[in-house]
Amino acid sequence: VLLRIVWKWMNRQPADVPGSRFEHLAA
């Protein structure tokens, strides 16, 4: 998990799929 978090910080995150603001906040 720690390695995963470090890798997450080192990489861009894929864009959210189309959806409402509530759906994005919930996700």
mmCIF file of all heavy atoms, coordinates in Angstrom:
data_MODEL
# 
_entry.id   MODEL 
# 
loop_
_atom_site.group_PDB 
_atom_site.id 
_atom_site.type_symbol 
_atom_site.label_atom_id 
_atom_site.label_alt_id 
_atom_site.label_comp_id 
_atom_site.label_asym_id 
_atom_site.label_entity_id 
_atom_site.label_seq_id 
_atom_site.pdbx_PDB_ins_code 
_atom_site.Cartn_x 
_atom_site.Cartn_y 
_atom_site.Cartn_z 
_atom_site.occupancy 
_atom_site.B_iso_or_equiv 
_atom_site.pdbx_formal_charge 
_atom_site.auth_seq_id 
_atom_site.auth_comp_id 
_atom_site.auth_asym_id 
_atom_site.auth_atom_id 
_atom_site.pdbx_PDB_model_num 
ATOM 1   N N   . VAL A 1 1  ? 0.834   -1.209 0.000   1.00 0.00 ? 1  VAL A N   1 
ATOM 2   C CA  . VAL A 1 1  ? 0.000   0.000  0.000   1.00 0.00 ? 1  VAL A CA  1 
ATOM 3   C C   . VAL A 1 1  ? 0.860   1.247  0.000   1.00 0.00 ? 1  VAL A C   1 
ATOM 4   O O   . VAL A 1 1  ? 0.584   2.215  -0.724  1.00 0.00 ? 1  VAL A O   1 
ATOM 5   C CB  . VAL A 1 1  ? -0.954  -0.002 1.215   1.00 0.00 ? 1  VAL A CB  1 
ATOM 6   C CG1 . VAL A 1 1  ? -1.637  1.356  1.355   1.00 0.00 ? 1  VAL A CG1 1 
ATOM 7   C CG2 . VAL A 1 1  ? -1.996  -1.097 1.062   1.00 0.00 ? 1  VAL A CG2 1 
ATOM 8   N N   . LEU A 1 2  ? 1.922   1.252  0.794   1.00 0.00 ? 2  LEU A N   1 
ATOM 9   C CA  . LEU A 1 2  ? 2.828   2.402  0.801   1.00 0.00 ? 2  LEU A CA  1 
ATOM 10  C C   . LEU A 1 2  ? 3.472   2.589  -0.572  1.00 0.00 ? 2  LEU A C   1 
ATOM 11  O O   . LEU A 1 2  ? 3.572   3.719  -1.069  1.00 0.00 ? 2  LEU A O   1 
ATOM 12  C CB  . LEU A 1 2  ? 3.909   2.218  1.868   1.00 0.00 ? 2  LEU A CB  1 
ATOM 13  C CG  . LEU A 1 2  ? 3.441   2.215  3.325   1.00 0.00 ? 2  LEU A CG  1 
ATOM 14  C CD1 . LEU A 1 2  ? 4.641   2.075  4.257   1.00 0.00 ? 2  LEU A CD1 1 
ATOM 15  C CD2 . LEU A 1 2  ? 2.659   3.476  3.657   1.00 0.00 ? 2  LEU A CD2 1 
ATOM 16  N N   . LEU A 1 3  ? 3.896   1.493  -1.188  1.00 0.00 ? 3  LEU A N   1 
ATOM 17  C CA  . LEU A 1 3  ? 4.465   1.575  -2.537  1.00 0.00 ? 3  LEU A CA  1 
ATOM 18  C C   . LEU A 1 3  ? 3.434   2.088  -3.526  1.00 0.00 ? 3  LEU A C   1 
ATOM 19  O O   . LEU A 1 3  ? 3.746   2.878  -4.430  1.00 0.00 ? 3  LEU A O   1 
ATOM 20  C CB  . LEU A 1 3  ? 4.978   0.199  -2.969  1.00 0.00 ? 3  LEU A CB  1 
ATOM 21  C CG  . LEU A 1 3  ? 6.192   -0.340 -2.225  1.00 0.00 ? 3  LEU A CG  1 
ATOM 22  C CD1 . LEU A 1 3  ? 6.488   -1.770 -2.666  1.00 0.00 ? 3  LEU A CD1 1 
ATOM 23  C CD2 . LEU A 1 3  ? 7.413   0.549  -2.446  1.00 0.00 ? 3  LEU A CD2 1 
ATOM 24  N N   . ARG A 1 4  ? 2.202   1.631  -3.351  1.00 0.00 ? 4  ARG A N   1 
ATOM 25  C CA  . ARG A 1 4  ? 1.134   2.077  -4.250  1.00 0.00 ? 4  ARG A CA  1 
ATOM 26  C C   . ARG A 1 4  ? 0.882   3.582  -4.116  1.00 0.00 ? 4  ARG A C   1 
ATOM 27  O O   . ARG A 1 4  ? 0.656   4.278  -5.108  1.00 0.00 ? 4  ARG A O   1 
ATOM 28  C CB  . ARG A 1 4  ? -0.146  1.299  -3.927  1.00 0.00 ? 4  ARG A CB  1 
ATOM 29  C CG  . ARG A 1 4  ? -1.307  1.639  -4.837  1.00 0.00 ? 4  ARG A CG  1 
ATOM 30  C CD  . ARG A 1 4  ? -2.542  0.825  -4.480  1.00 0.00 ? 4  ARG A CD  1 
ATOM 31  N NE  . ARG A 1 4  ? -3.677  1.214  -5.298  1.00 0.00 ? 4  ARG A NE  1 
ATOM 32  C CZ  . ARG A 1 4  ? -4.886  0.712  -5.169  1.00 0.00 ? 4  ARG A CZ  1 
ATOM 33  N NH1 . ARG A 1 4  ? -5.120  -0.224 -4.263  1.00 0.00 ? 4  ARG A NH1 1 
ATOM 34  N NH2 . ARG A 1 4  ? -5.878  1.130  -5.942  1.00 0.00 ? 4  ARG A NH2 1 
ATOM 35  N N   . ILE A 1 5  ? 0.912   4.081  -2.878  1.00 0.00 ? 5  ILE A N   1 
ATOM 36  C CA  . ILE A 1 5  ? 0.704   5.508  -2.651  1.00 0.00 ? 5  ILE A CA  1 
ATOM 37  C C   . ILE A 1 5  ? 1.845   6.320  -3.273  1.00 0.00 ? 5  ILE A C   1 
ATOM 38  O O   . ILE A 1 5  ? 1.614   7.360  -3.907  1.00 0.00 ? 5  ILE A O   1 
ATOM 39  C CB  . ILE A 1 5  ? 0.581   5.798  -1.146  1.00 0.00 ? 5  ILE A CB  1 
ATOM 40  C CG1 . ILE A 1 5  ? -0.721  5.202  -0.608  1.00 0.00 ? 5  ILE A CG1 1 
ATOM 41  C CG2 . ILE A 1 5  ? 0.626   7.303  -0.877  1.00 0.00 ? 5  ILE A CG2 1 
ATOM 42  C CD1 . ILE A 1 5  ? -0.867  5.285  0.888   1.00 0.00 ? 5  ILE A CD1 1 
ATOM 43  N N   . VAL A 1 6  ? 3.086   5.859  -3.097  1.00 0.00 ? 6  VAL A N   1 
ATOM 44  C CA  . VAL A 1 6  ? 4.230   6.549  -3.708  1.00 0.00 ? 6  VAL A CA  1 
ATOM 45  C C   . VAL A 1 6  ? 4.095   6.564  -5.216  1.00 0.00 ? 6  VAL A C   1 
ATOM 46  O O   . VAL A 1 6  ? 4.312   7.596  -5.867  1.00 0.00 ? 6  VAL A O   1 
ATOM 47  C CB  . VAL A 1 6  ? 5.554   5.857  -3.288  1.00 0.00 ? 6  VAL A CB  1 
ATOM 48  C CG1 . VAL A 1 6  ? 6.722   6.422  -4.096  1.00 0.00 ? 6  VAL A CG1 1 
ATOM 49  C CG2 . VAL A 1 6  ? 5.809   6.037  -1.806  1.00 0.00 ? 6  VAL A CG2 1 
ATOM 50  N N   . TRP A 1 7  ? 3.729   5.417  -5.803  1.00 0.00 ? 7  TRP A N   1 
ATOM 51  C CA  . TRP A 1 7  ? 3.558   5.355  -7.256  1.00 0.00 ? 7  TRP A CA  1 
ATOM 52  C C   . TRP A 1 7  ? 2.429   6.277  -7.713  1.00 0.00 ? 7  TRP A C   1 
ATOM 53  O O   . TRP A 1 7  ? 2.508   6.899  -8.773  1.00 0.00 ? 7  TRP A O   1 
ATOM 54  C CB  . TRP A 1 7  ? 3.283   3.910  -7.679  1.00 0.00 ? 7  TRP A CB  1 
ATOM 55  C CG  . TRP A 1 7  ? 3.209   3.725  -9.167  1.00 0.00 ? 7  TRP A CG  1 
ATOM 56  C CD1 . TRP A 1 7  ? 2.098   3.531  -9.923  1.00 0.00 ? 7  TRP A CD1 1 
ATOM 57  C CD2 . TRP A 1 7  ? 4.312   3.723  -10.091 1.00 0.00 ? 7  TRP A CD2 1 
ATOM 58  N NE1 . TRP A 1 7  ? 2.427   3.417  -11.247 1.00 0.00 ? 7  TRP A NE1 1 
ATOM 59  C CE2 . TRP A 1 7  ? 3.778   3.517  -11.381 1.00 0.00 ? 7  TRP A CE2 1 
ATOM 60  C CE3 . TRP A 1 7  ? 5.688   3.868  -9.929  1.00 0.00 ? 7  TRP A CE3 1 
ATOM 61  C CZ2 . TRP A 1 7  ? 4.585   3.469  -12.512 1.00 0.00 ? 7  TRP A CZ2 1 
ATOM 62  C CZ3 . TRP A 1 7  ? 6.490   3.812  -11.072 1.00 0.00 ? 7  TRP A CZ3 1 
ATOM 63  C CH2 . TRP A 1 7  ? 5.935   3.617  -12.341 1.00 0.00 ? 7  TRP A CH2 1 
ATOM 64  N N   . LYS A 1 8  ? 1.388   6.381  -6.919  1.00 0.00 ? 8  LYS A N   1 
ATOM 65  C CA  . LYS A 1 8  ? 0.261   7.256  -7.240  1.00 0.00 ? 8  LYS A CA  1 
ATOM 66  C C   . LYS A 1 8  ? 0.714   8.712  -7.280  1.00 0.00 ? 8  LYS A C   1 
ATOM 67  O O   . LYS A 1 8  ? 0.310   9.477  -8.163  1.00 0.00 ? 8  LYS A O   1 
ATOM 68  C CB  . LYS A 1 8  ? -0.851  7.073  -6.192  1.00 0.00 ? 8  LYS A CB  1 
ATOM 69  C CG  . LYS A 1 8  ? -2.130  7.869  -6.457  1.00 0.00 ? 8  LYS A CG  1 
ATOM 70  C CD  . LYS A 1 8  ? -3.131  7.597  -5.348  1.00 0.00 ? 8  LYS A CD  1 
ATOM 71  C CE  . LYS A 1 8  ? -4.410  8.391  -5.547  1.00 0.00 ? 8  LYS A CE  1 
ATOM 72  N NZ  . LYS A 1 8  ? -5.215  7.898  -6.684  1.00 0.00 ? 8  LYS A NZ  1 
ATOM 73  N N   . TRP A 1 9  ? 1.557   9.108  -6.332  1.00 0.00 ? 9  TRP A N   1 
ATOM 74  C CA  . TRP A 1 9  ? 2.064   10.476 -6.302  1.00 0.00 ? 9  TRP A CA  1 
ATOM 75  C C   . TRP A 1 9  ? 2.984   10.764 -7.498  1.00 0.00 ? 9  TRP A C   1 
ATOM 76  O O   . TRP A 1 9  ? 3.063   11.892 -7.971  1.00 0.00 ? 9  TRP A O   1 
ATOM 77  C CB  . TRP A 1 9  ? 2.827   10.727 -5.007  1.00 0.00 ? 9  TRP A CB  1 
ATOM 78  C CG  . TRP A 1 9  ? 1.940   10.920 -3.827  1.00 0.00 ? 9  TRP A CG  1 
ATOM 79  C CD1 . TRP A 1 9  ? 0.624   11.275 -3.819  1.00 0.00 ? 9  TRP A CD1 1 
ATOM 80  C CD2 . TRP A 1 9  ? 2.309   10.775 -2.448  1.00 0.00 ? 9  TRP A CD2 1 
ATOM 81  N NE1 . TRP A 1 9  ? 0.139   11.340 -2.540  1.00 0.00 ? 9  TRP A NE1 1 
ATOM 82  C CE2 . TRP A 1 9  ? 1.146   11.050 -1.675  1.00 0.00 ? 9  TRP A CE2 1 
ATOM 83  C CE3 . TRP A 1 9  ? 3.489   10.440 -1.801  1.00 0.00 ? 9  TRP A CE3 1 
ATOM 84  C CZ2 . TRP A 1 9  ? 1.137   11.006 -0.289  1.00 0.00 ? 9  TRP A CZ2 1 
ATOM 85  C CZ3 . TRP A 1 9  ? 3.487   10.399 -0.412  1.00 0.00 ? 9  TRP A CZ3 1 
ATOM 86  C CH2 . TRP A 1 9  ? 2.329   10.676 0.329   1.00 0.00 ? 9  TRP A CH2 1 
ATOM 87  N N   . MET A 1 10 ? 3.677   9.736  -7.972  1.00 0.00 ? 10 MET A N   1 
ATOM 88  C CA  . MET A 1 10 ? 4.633   9.912  -9.061  1.00 0.00 ? 10 MET A CA  1 
ATOM 89  C C   . MET A 1 10 ? 3.979   9.933  -10.444 1.00 0.00 ? 10 MET A C   1 
ATOM 90  O O   . MET A 1 10 ? 4.630   10.264 -11.432 1.00 0.00 ? 10 MET A O   1 
ATOM 91  C CB  . MET A 1 10 ? 5.670   8.785  -9.018  1.00 0.00 ? 10 MET A CB  1 
ATOM 92  C CG  . MET A 1 10 ? 6.577   8.803  -7.802  1.00 0.00 ? 10 MET A CG  1 
ATOM 93  S SD  . MET A 1 10 ? 7.607   7.302  -7.704  1.00 0.00 ? 10 MET A SD  1 
ATOM 94  C CE  . MET A 1 10 ? 8.472   7.354  -9.276  1.00 0.00 ? 10 MET A CE  1 
ATOM 95  N N   . ASN A 1 11 ? 2.703   9.566  -10.516 1.00 0.00 ? 11 ASN A N   1 
ATOM 96  C CA  . ASN A 1 11 ? 2.022   9.449  -11.800 1.00 0.00 ? 11 ASN A CA  1 
ATOM 97  C C   . ASN A 1 11 ? 0.802   10.346 -11.874 1.00 0.00 ? 11 ASN A C   1 
ATOM 98  O O   . ASN A 1 11 ? 0.169   10.628 -10.858 1.00 0.00 ? 11 ASN A O   1 
ATOM 99  C CB  . ASN A 1 11 ? 1.562   8.006  -12.031 1.00 0.00 ? 11 ASN A CB  1 
ATOM 100 C CG  . ASN A 1 11 ? 2.693   7.077  -12.384 1.00 0.00 ? 11 ASN A CG  1 
ATOM 101 O OD1 . ASN A 1 11 ? 2.921   6.794  -13.553 1.00 0.00 ? 11 ASN A OD1 1 
ATOM 102 N ND2 . ASN A 1 11 ? 3.409   6.599  -11.389 1.00 0.00 ? 11 ASN A ND2 1 
ATOM 103 N N   . ARG A 1 12 ? 0.483   10.736 -13.101 1.00 0.00 ? 12 ARG A N   1 
ATOM 104 C CA  . ARG A 1 12 ? -0.783  11.422 -13.317 1.00 0.00 ? 12 ARG A CA  1 
ATOM 105 C C   . ARG A 1 12 ? -1.906  10.428 -13.115 1.00 0.00 ? 12 ARG A C   1 
ATOM 106 O O   . ARG A 1 12 ? -1.735  9.223  -13.277 1.00 0.00 ? 12 ARG A O   1 
ATOM 107 C CB  . ARG A 1 12 ? -0.847  11.979 -14.735 1.00 0.00 ? 12 ARG A CB  1 
ATOM 108 C CG  . ARG A 1 12 ? -0.926  10.899 -15.814 1.00 0.00 ? 12 ARG A CG  1 
ATOM 109 C CD  . ARG A 1 12 ? -0.883  11.477 -17.207 1.00 0.00 ? 12 ARG A CD  1 
ATOM 110 N NE  . ARG A 1 12 ? -1.954  12.420 -17.423 1.00 0.00 ? 12 ARG A NE  1 
ATOM 111 C CZ  . ARG A 1 12 ? -2.051  13.177 -18.519 1.00 0.00 ? 12 ARG A CZ  1 
ATOM 112 N NH1 . ARG A 1 12 ? -1.129  13.093 -19.471 1.00 0.00 ? 12 ARG A NH1 1 
ATOM 113 N NH2 . ARG A 1 12 ? -3.046  14.015 -18.657 1.00 0.00 ? 12 ARG A NH2 1 
ATOM 114 N N   . GLN A 1 13 ? -3.065  10.909 -12.740 1.00 0.00 ? 13 GLN A N   1 
ATOM 115 C CA  . GLN A 1 13 ? -4.222  10.037 -12.582 1.00 0.00 ? 13 GLN A CA  1 
ATOM 116 C C   . GLN A 1 13 ? -5.144  10.173 -13.788 1.00 0.00 ? 13 GLN A C   1 
ATOM 117 O O   . GLN A 1 13 ? -5.352  11.277 -14.288 1.00 0.00 ? 13 GLN A O   1 
ATOM 118 C CB  . GLN A 1 13 ? -4.983  10.388 -11.303 1.00 0.00 ? 13 GLN A CB  1 
ATOM 119 C CG  . GLN A 1 13 ? -4.182  10.142 -10.037 1.00 0.00 ? 13 GLN A CG  1 
ATOM 120 C CD  . GLN A 1 13 ? -3.703  8.710  -9.941  1.00 0.00 ? 13 GLN A CD  1 
ATOM 121 O OE1 . GLN A 1 13 ? -4.489  7.777  -9.880  1.00 0.00 ? 13 GLN A OE1 1 
ATOM 122 N NE2 . GLN A 1 13 ? -2.384  8.528  -9.922  1.00 0.00 ? 13 GLN A NE2 1 
ATOM 123 N N   . PRO A 1 14 ? -5.685  9.060  -14.275 1.00 0.00 ? 14 PRO A N   1 
ATOM 124 C CA  . PRO A 1 14 ? -6.606  9.144  -15.413 1.00 0.00 ? 14 PRO A CA  1 
ATOM 125 C C   . PRO A 1 14 ? -7.774  10.074 -15.108 1.00 0.00 ? 14 PRO A C   1 
ATOM 126 O O   . PRO A 1 14 ? -8.222  10.168 -13.956 1.00 0.00 ? 14 PRO A O   1 
ATOM 127 C CB  . PRO A 1 14 ? -7.073  7.694  -15.590 1.00 0.00 ? 14 PRO A CB  1 
ATOM 128 C CG  . PRO A 1 14 ? -5.973  6.874  -15.014 1.00 0.00 ? 14 PRO A CG  1 
ATOM 129 C CD  . PRO A 1 14 ? -5.442  7.662  -13.860 1.00 0.00 ? 14 PRO A CD  1 
ATOM 130 N N   . ALA A 1 15 ? -8.251  10.730 -16.129 1.00 0.00 ? 15 ALA A N   1 
ATOM 131 C CA  . ALA A 1 15 ? -9.356  11.669 -15.951 1.00 0.00 ? 15 ALA A CA  1 
ATOM 132 C C   . ALA A 1 15 ? -10.624 10.934 -15.532 1.00 0.00 ? 15 ALA A C   1 
ATOM 133 O O   . ALA A 1 15 ? -10.824 9.760  -15.851 1.00 0.00 ? 15 ALA A O   1 
ATOM 134 C CB  . ALA A 1 15 ? -9.603  12.425 -17.258 1.00 0.00 ? 15 ALA A CB  1 
ATOM 135 N N   . ASP A 1 16 ? -11.473 11.635 -14.783 1.00 0.00 ? 16 ASP A N   1 
ATOM 136 C CA  . ASP A 1 16 ? -12.759 11.058 -14.393 1.00 0.00 ? 16 ASP A CA  1 
ATOM 137 C C   . ASP A 1 16 ? -13.623 10.833 -15.632 1.00 0.00 ? 16 ASP A C   1 
ATOM 138 O O   . ASP A 1 16 ? -13.591 11.623 -16.579 1.00 0.00 ? 16 ASP A O   1 
ATOM 139 C CB  . ASP A 1 16 ? -13.496 11.994 -13.431 1.00 0.00 ? 16 ASP A CB  1 
ATOM 140 C CG  . ASP A 1 16 ? -12.811 12.093 -12.080 1.00 0.00 ? 16 ASP A CG  1 
ATOM 141 O OD1 . ASP A 1 16 ? -12.204 11.088 -11.649 1.00 0.00 ? 16 ASP A OD1 1 
ATOM 142 O OD2 . ASP A 1 16 ? -12.879 13.163 -11.458 1.00 0.00 ? 16 ASP A OD2 1 
ATOM 143 N N   . VAL A 1 17 ? -14.395 9.758  -15.606 1.00 0.00 ? 17 VAL A N   1 
ATOM 144 C CA  . VAL A 1 17 ? -15.341 9.541  -16.691 1.00 0.00 ? 17 VAL A CA  1 
ATOM 145 C C   . VAL A 1 17 ? -16.473 10.548 -16.544 1.00 0.00 ? 17 VAL A C   1 
ATOM 146 O O   . VAL A 1 17 ? -16.692 11.093 -15.455 1.00 0.00 ? 17 VAL A O   1 
ATOM 147 C CB  . VAL A 1 17 ? -15.902 8.103  -16.661 1.00 0.00 ? 17 VAL A CB  1 
ATOM 148 C CG1 . VAL A 1 17 ? -14.779 7.096  -16.851 1.00 0.00 ? 17 VAL A CG1 1 
ATOM 149 C CG2 . VAL A 1 17 ? -16.646 7.838  -15.367 1.00 0.00 ? 17 VAL A CG2 1 
ATOM 150 N N   . PRO A 1 18 ? -17.201 10.828 -17.617 1.00 0.00 ? 18 PRO A N   1 
ATOM 151 C CA  . PRO A 1 18 ? -18.314 11.781 -17.515 1.00 0.00 ? 18 PRO A CA  1 
ATOM 152 C C   . PRO A 1 18 ? -19.308 11.375 -16.436 1.00 0.00 ? 18 PRO A C   1 
ATOM 153 O O   . PRO A 1 18 ? -19.656 10.199 -16.297 1.00 0.00 ? 18 PRO A O   1 
ATOM 154 C CB  . PRO A 1 18 ? -18.949 11.703 -18.909 1.00 0.00 ? 18 PRO A CB  1 
ATOM 155 C CG  . PRO A 1 18 ? -17.828 11.300 -19.810 1.00 0.00 ? 18 PRO A CG  1 
ATOM 156 C CD  . PRO A 1 18 ? -16.999 10.358 -18.996 1.00 0.00 ? 18 PRO A CD  1 
ATOM 157 N N   . GLY A 1 19 ? -19.744 12.344 -15.661 1.00 0.00 ? 19 GLY A N   1 
ATOM 158 C CA  . GLY A 1 19 ? -20.691 12.079 -14.581 1.00 0.00 ? 19 GLY A CA  1 
ATOM 159 C C   . GLY A 1 19 ? -20.959 13.348 -13.813 1.00 0.00 ? 19 GLY A C   1 
ATOM 160 O O   . GLY A 1 19 ? -20.342 14.403 -14.064 1.00 0.00 ? 19 GLY A O   1 
ATOM 161 N N   . SER A 1 20 ? -21.868 13.271 -12.833 1.00 0.00 ? 20 SER A N   1 
ATOM 162 C CA  . SER A 1 20 ? -22.222 14.439 -12.044 1.00 0.00 ? 20 SER A CA  1 
ATOM 163 C C   . SER A 1 20 ? -21.136 14.733 -11.022 1.00 0.00 ? 20 SER A C   1 
ATOM 164 O O   . SER A 1 20 ? -20.289 13.891 -10.726 1.00 0.00 ? 20 SER A O   1 
ATOM 165 C CB  . SER A 1 20 ? -23.555 14.203 -11.331 1.00 0.00 ? 20 SER A CB  1 
ATOM 166 O OG  . SER A 1 20 ? -23.422 13.192 -10.343 1.00 0.00 ? 20 SER A OG  1 
ATOM 167 N N   . ARG A 1 21 ? -21.176 15.934 -10.460 1.00 0.00 ? 21 ARG A N   1 
ATOM 168 C CA  . ARG A 1 21 ? -20.220 16.315 -9.425  1.00 0.00 ? 21 ARG A CA  1 
ATOM 169 C C   . ARG A 1 21 ? -20.372 15.405 -8.204  1.00 0.00 ? 21 ARG A C   1 
ATOM 170 O O   . ARG A 1 21 ? -19.375 15.027 -7.587  1.00 0.00 ? 21 ARG A O   1 
ATOM 171 C CB  . ARG A 1 21 ? -20.449 17.775 -9.029  1.00 0.00 ? 21 ARG A CB  1 
ATOM 172 C CG  . ARG A 1 21 ? -19.522 18.261 -7.913  1.00 0.00 ? 21 ARG A CG  1 
ATOM 173 C CD  . ARG A 1 21 ? -19.670 19.756 -7.667  1.00 0.00 ? 21 ARG A CD  1 
ATOM 174 N NE  . ARG A 1 21 ? -18.881 20.187 -6.534  1.00 0.00 ? 21 ARG A NE  1 
ATOM 175 C CZ  . ARG A 1 21 ? -17.571 20.419 -6.568  1.00 0.00 ? 21 ARG A CZ  1 
ATOM 176 N NH1 . ARG A 1 21 ? -16.908 20.228 -7.694  1.00 0.00 ? 21 ARG A NH1 1 
ATOM 177 N NH2 . ARG A 1 21 ? -16.933 20.815 -5.487  1.00 0.00 ? 21 ARG A NH2 1 
ATOM 178 N N   . PHE A 1 22 ? -21.607 15.049 -7.879  1.00 0.00 ? 22 PHE A N   1 
ATOM 179 C CA  . PHE A 1 22 ? -21.841 14.165 -6.735  1.00 0.00 ? 22 PHE A CA  1 
ATOM 180 C C   . PHE A 1 22 ? -21.182 12.813 -6.965  1.00 0.00 ? 22 PHE A C   1 
ATOM 181 O O   . PHE A 1 22 ? -20.573 12.250 -6.052  1.00 0.00 ? 22 PHE A O   1 
ATOM 182 C CB  . PHE A 1 22 ? -23.338 13.975 -6.509  1.00 0.00 ? 22 PHE A CB  1 
ATOM 183 C CG  . PHE A 1 22 ? -23.656 12.920 -5.475  1.00 0.00 ? 22 PHE A CG  1 
ATOM 184 C CD1 . PHE A 1 22 ? -23.539 13.203 -4.120  1.00 0.00 ? 22 PHE A CD1 1 
ATOM 185 C CD2 . PHE A 1 22 ? -24.050 11.637 -5.863  1.00 0.00 ? 22 PHE A CD2 1 
ATOM 186 C CE1 . PHE A 1 22 ? -23.808 12.230 -3.167  1.00 0.00 ? 22 PHE A CE1 1 
ATOM 187 C CE2 . PHE A 1 22 ? -24.318 10.665 -4.918  1.00 0.00 ? 22 PHE A CE2 1 
ATOM 188 C CZ  . PHE A 1 22 ? -24.203 10.958 -3.565  1.00 0.00 ? 22 PHE A CZ  1 
ATOM 189 N N   . GLU A 1 23 ? -21.300 12.261 -8.171  1.00 0.00 ? 23 GLU A N   1 
ATOM 190 C CA  . GLU A 1 23 ? -20.692 10.970 -8.477  1.00 0.00 ? 23 GLU A CA  1 
ATOM 191 C C   . GLU A 1 23 ? -19.180 11.026 -8.342  1.00 0.00 ? 23 GLU A C   1 
ATOM 192 O O   . GLU A 1 23 ? -18.553 10.102 -7.806  1.00 0.00 ? 23 GLU A O   1 
ATOM 193 C CB  . GLU A 1 23 ? -21.077 10.528 -9.889  1.00 0.00 ? 23 GLU A CB  1 
ATOM 194 C CG  . GLU A 1 23 ? -22.530 10.098 -10.023 1.00 0.00 ? 23 GLU A CG  1 
ATOM 195 C CD  . GLU A 1 23 ? -22.906 9.765  -11.453 1.00 0.00 ? 23 GLU A CD  1 
ATOM 196 O OE1 . GLU A 1 23 ? -22.398 10.451 -12.375 1.00 0.00 ? 23 GLU A OE1 1 
ATOM 197 O OE2 . GLU A 1 23 ? -23.699 8.826  -11.667 1.00 0.00 ? 23 GLU A OE2 1 
ATOM 198 N N   . HIS A 1 24 ? -18.589 12.124 -8.828  1.00 0.00 ? 24 HIS A N   1 
ATOM 199 C CA  . HIS A 1 24 ? -17.139 12.263 -8.736  1.00 0.00 ? 24 HIS A CA  1 
ATOM 200 C C   . HIS A 1 24 ? -16.691 12.395 -7.276  1.00 0.00 ? 24 HIS A C   1 
ATOM 201 O O   . HIS A 1 24 ? -15.699 11.785 -6.858  1.00 0.00 ? 24 HIS A O   1 
ATOM 202 C CB  . HIS A 1 24 ? -16.677 13.470 -9.551  1.00 0.00 ? 24 HIS A CB  1 
ATOM 203 C CG  . HIS A 1 24 ? -16.834 13.275 -11.023 1.00 0.00 ? 24 HIS A CG  1 
ATOM 204 N ND1 . HIS A 1 24 ? -16.880 14.338 -11.908 1.00 0.00 ? 24 HIS A ND1 1 
ATOM 205 C CD2 . HIS A 1 24 ? -16.978 12.160 -11.781 1.00 0.00 ? 24 HIS A CD2 1 
ATOM 206 C CE1 . HIS A 1 24 ? -17.016 13.876 -13.133 1.00 0.00 ? 24 HIS A CE1 1 
ATOM 207 N NE2 . HIS A 1 24 ? -17.083 12.555 -13.076 1.00 0.00 ? 24 HIS A NE2 1 
ATOM 208 N N   . LEU A 1 25 ? -17.431 13.190 -6.489  1.00 0.00 ? 25 LEU A N   1 
ATOM 209 C CA  . LEU A 1 25 ? -17.087 13.360 -5.076  1.00 0.00 ? 25 LEU A CA  1 
ATOM 210 C C   . LEU A 1 25 ? -17.236 12.038 -4.315  1.00 0.00 ? 25 LEU A C   1 
ATOM 211 O O   . LEU A 1 25 ? -16.402 11.694 -3.477  1.00 0.00 ? 25 LEU A O   1 
ATOM 212 C CB  . LEU A 1 25 ? -17.972 14.433 -4.438  1.00 0.00 ? 25 LEU A CB  1 
ATOM 213 C CG  . LEU A 1 25 ? -17.697 15.880 -4.867  1.00 0.00 ? 25 LEU A CG  1 
ATOM 214 C CD1 . LEU A 1 25 ? -18.741 16.820 -4.264  1.00 0.00 ? 25 LEU A CD1 1 
ATOM 215 C CD2 . LEU A 1 25 ? -16.293 16.311 -4.442  1.00 0.00 ? 25 LEU A CD2 1 
ATOM 216 N N   . ALA A 1 26 ? -18.300 11.294 -4.626  1.00 0.00 ? 26 ALA A N   1 
ATOM 217 C CA  . ALA A 1 26 ? -18.515 10.011 -3.973  1.00 0.00 ? 26 ALA A CA  1 
ATOM 218 C C   . ALA A 1 26 ? -17.407 9.032  -4.319  1.00 0.00 ? 26 ALA A C   1 
ATOM 219 O O   . ALA A 1 26 ? -16.903 8.305  -3.448  1.00 0.00 ? 26 ALA A O   1 
ATOM 220 C CB  . ALA A 1 26 ? -19.871 9.440  -4.373  1.00 0.00 ? 26 ALA A CB  1 
ATOM 221 N N   . ALA A 1 27 ? -17.014 9.004  -5.585  1.00 0.00 ? 27 ALA A N   1 
ATOM 222 C CA  . ALA A 1 27 ? -15.955 8.085  -6.016  1.00 0.00 ? 27 ALA A CA  1 
ATOM 223 C C   . ALA A 1 27 ? -14.638 8.407  -5.324  1.00 0.00 ? 27 ALA A C   1 
ATOM 224 O O   . ALA A 1 27 ? -13.941 7.502  -4.834  1.00 0.00 ? 27 ALA A O   1 
ATOM 225 C CB  . ALA A 1 27 ? -15.789 8.160  -7.531  1.00 0.00 ? 27 ALA A CB  1 
# 
